[in-house]
Amino acid sequence: MVLSMIALFVSIVRTSCNENSKDSQKAETIVPTMSKENLENEVWKMEEQYWDYIEKIDIVTYKKPWHNDFIGYPNFGDGVANKSGIAIWIPELHQDSSSKFSYKLYKKAVNSIGDVVIAFYDADYI
């Protein structure tokens, strides 16, 4: 089993400039219009899709949600990876034509706090 998590930022930050003011930049956070429950359900749905892309070897769609400046420490390899390297492990899962990749997700918790949603789950994959 592998414990994983994903965070999604759903707020929009706008910056307005006023040249006649000492404070020339002001940030305004817009609160999401979705309910807490809908936000959490949407993030869980995205996590399920993420694993579906892995199963289908759909690397292009798998990489779309990742930020272009992403750098992380994946559970494969010996170091950090950026967006271009985050999917290198997917084709390796499907190399053996005599076996089929499969998975099962065990949703543990999904929680939104303000504009951040985090999903915790266990995943069995073969």
Protein backbone atom coordinates (compact mmCIF):
# COMPACT_ATOMS: atom_id res chain seq x y z
CA MET A 1 0.00 0.00 0.00
CA VAL A 2 1.07 3.53 -0.72
CA LEU A 3 -0.22 6.57 1.16
CA SER A 4 -0.72 9.56 -1.11
CA MET A 5 -2.19 13.03 -1.02
CA ILE A 6 -3.12 15.82 -3.37
CA ALA A 7 -3.82 19.49 -2.73
CA LEU A 8 -5.87 21.74 -4.96
CA PHE A 9 -5.93 25.51 -4.69
CA VAL A 10 -9.24 26.87 -5.86
CA SER A 11 -9.13 30.51 -4.89
CA ILE A 12 -8.40 33.24 -7.36
CA VAL A 13 -6.08 36.03 -6.31
CA ARG A 14 -6.39 39.33 -8.10
CA THR A 15 -3.99 42.19 -7.83
CA SER A 16 -5.17 45.70 -8.49
CA CYS A 17 -2.86 48.65 -8.91
CA ASN A 18 -3.59 52.22 -7.95
CA GLU A 19 -0.87 54.62 -9.08
CA ASN A 20 -2.14 57.44 -6.79
CA SER A 21 -1.71 55.41 -3.61
CA LYS A 22 1.38 54.65 -1.51
CA ASP A 23 0.21 51.05 -1.38
CA SER A 24 0.22 50.43 -5.12
CA GLN A 25 -0.67 46.74 -4.92
CA LYS A 26 -3.53 45.15 -3.08
CA ALA A 27 -4.39 41.43 -3.20
CA GLU A 28 -7.98 40.29 -2.93
CA THR A 29 -8.94 36.66 -2.33
CA ILE A 30 -12.20 35.52 -3.86
CA VAL A 31 -13.91 32.82 -1.83
CA PRO A 32 -14.96 29.73 -3.83
CA THR A 33 -18.67 29.55 -4.64
CA MET A 34 -18.81 25.77 -4.24
CA SER A 35 -19.91 24.29 -0.94
CA LYS A 36 -17.33 22.54 1.24
CA GLU A 37 -18.90 19.16 0.39
CA ASN A 38 -18.94 19.85 -3.37
CA LEU A 39 -15.33 21.01 -3.31
CA GLU A 40 -14.24 17.87 -1.48
CA ASN A 41 -16.22 15.65 -3.85
CA GLU A 42 -14.68 17.38 -6.87
CA VAL A 43 -11.14 16.83 -5.57
CA TRP A 44 -11.88 13.16 -4.84
CA LYS A 45 -13.24 12.78 -8.39
CA MET A 46 -10.00 14.29 -9.73
CA GLU A 47 -7.96 11.80 -7.70
CA GLU A 48 -9.95 8.90 -9.14
CA GLN A 49 -9.38 10.29 -12.65
CA TYR A 50 -5.65 10.58 -11.92
CA TRP A 51 -5.46 6.84 -11.28
CA ASP A 52 -7.62 6.11 -14.31
CA TYR A 53 -5.08 7.98 -16.49
CA ILE A 54 -2.34 5.76 -15.05
CA GLU A 55 -4.32 2.64 -15.86
CA LYS A 56 -4.94 3.83 -19.44
CA ILE A 57 -1.31 5.01 -19.90
CA ASP A 58 -2.68 8.46 -20.74
CA ILE A 59 0.44 10.40 -19.83
CA VAL A 60 -0.61 13.61 -21.59
CA THR A 61 -3.84 13.93 -19.59
CA TYR A 62 -2.11 12.71 -16.42
CA LYS A 63 0.34 15.63 -16.60
CA LYS A 64 -2.19 18.39 -17.42
CA PRO A 65 -3.21 19.23 -13.81
CA TRP A 66 0.39 19.54 -12.65
CA HIS A 67 1.73 23.08 -12.42
CA ASN A 68 4.46 23.85 -14.97
CA ASP A 69 6.83 24.82 -12.14
CA PHE A 70 6.13 21.67 -10.10
CA ILE A 71 9.05 20.04 -8.32
CA GLY A 72 8.40 17.14 -5.97
CA TYR A 73 9.82 14.03 -4.40
CA PRO A 74 7.91 11.14 -6.00
CA ASN A 75 7.94 7.61 -4.63
CA PHE A 76 10.08 6.43 -7.57
CA GLY A 77 13.71 7.09 -8.35
CA ASP A 78 16.36 8.62 -6.17
CA GLY A 79 15.53 12.29 -6.22
CA VAL A 80 13.22 15.09 -7.13
CA ALA A 81 11.30 15.36 -10.38
CA ASN A 82 9.75 18.22 -12.29
CA LYS A 83 6.63 18.10 -14.48
CA SER A 84 8.53 16.59 -17.40
CA GLY A 85 9.67 13.64 -15.25
CA ILE A 86 6.63 12.87 -13.13
CA ALA A 87 5.15 10.29 -15.48
CA ILE A 88 8.22 8.20 -16.30
CA TRP A 89 7.07 5.42 -14.00
CA ILE A 90 3.73 4.87 -15.79
CA PRO A 91 4.96 3.04 -18.93
CA GLU A 92 7.09 0.79 -16.71
CA LEU A 93 3.91 -0.44 -15.01
CA HIS A 94 2.64 -1.71 -18.35
CA GLN A 95 5.83 -3.27 -19.78
CA ASP A 96 4.89 -6.87 -19.03
CA SER A 97 2.14 -7.73 -21.52
CA SER A 98 1.27 -10.88 -19.54
CA SER A 99 0.13 -8.81 -16.55
CA LYS A 100 -2.46 -6.07 -16.28
CA PHE A 101 -2.09 -2.98 -14.11
CA SER A 102 -4.93 -2.63 -11.65
CA TYR A 103 -5.57 -0.54 -8.58
CA LYS A 104 -8.00 0.05 -5.76
CA LEU A 105 -8.30 3.29 -3.82
CA TYR A 106 -9.26 3.45 -0.15
CA LYS A 107 -10.53 6.92 0.63
CA LYS A 108 -9.44 7.90 4.15
CA ALA A 109 -10.36 11.58 4.37
CA VAL A 110 -10.99 14.60 2.17
CA ASN A 111 -11.01 17.98 3.85
CA SER A 112 -11.22 21.55 2.66
CA ILE A 113 -9.89 24.38 4.74
CA GLY A 114 -10.57 27.69 3.07
CA ASP A 115 -9.25 27.43 -0.47
CA VAL A 116 -7.18 24.27 0.00
CA VAL A 117 -8.51 20.72 -0.33
CA ILE A 118 -6.45 17.71 0.68
CA ALA A 119 -7.38 14.10 -0.05
CA PHE A 120 -5.80 11.26 1.91
CA TYR A 121 -6.09 7.68 0.73
CA ASP A 122 -4.36 4.36 0.50
CA ALA A 123 -3.86 2.70 -2.87
CA ASP A 124 -3.24 -0.91 -3.72
CA TYR A 125 -1.82 -1.38 -7.16
CA ILE A 126 -0.58 -4.45 -8.98
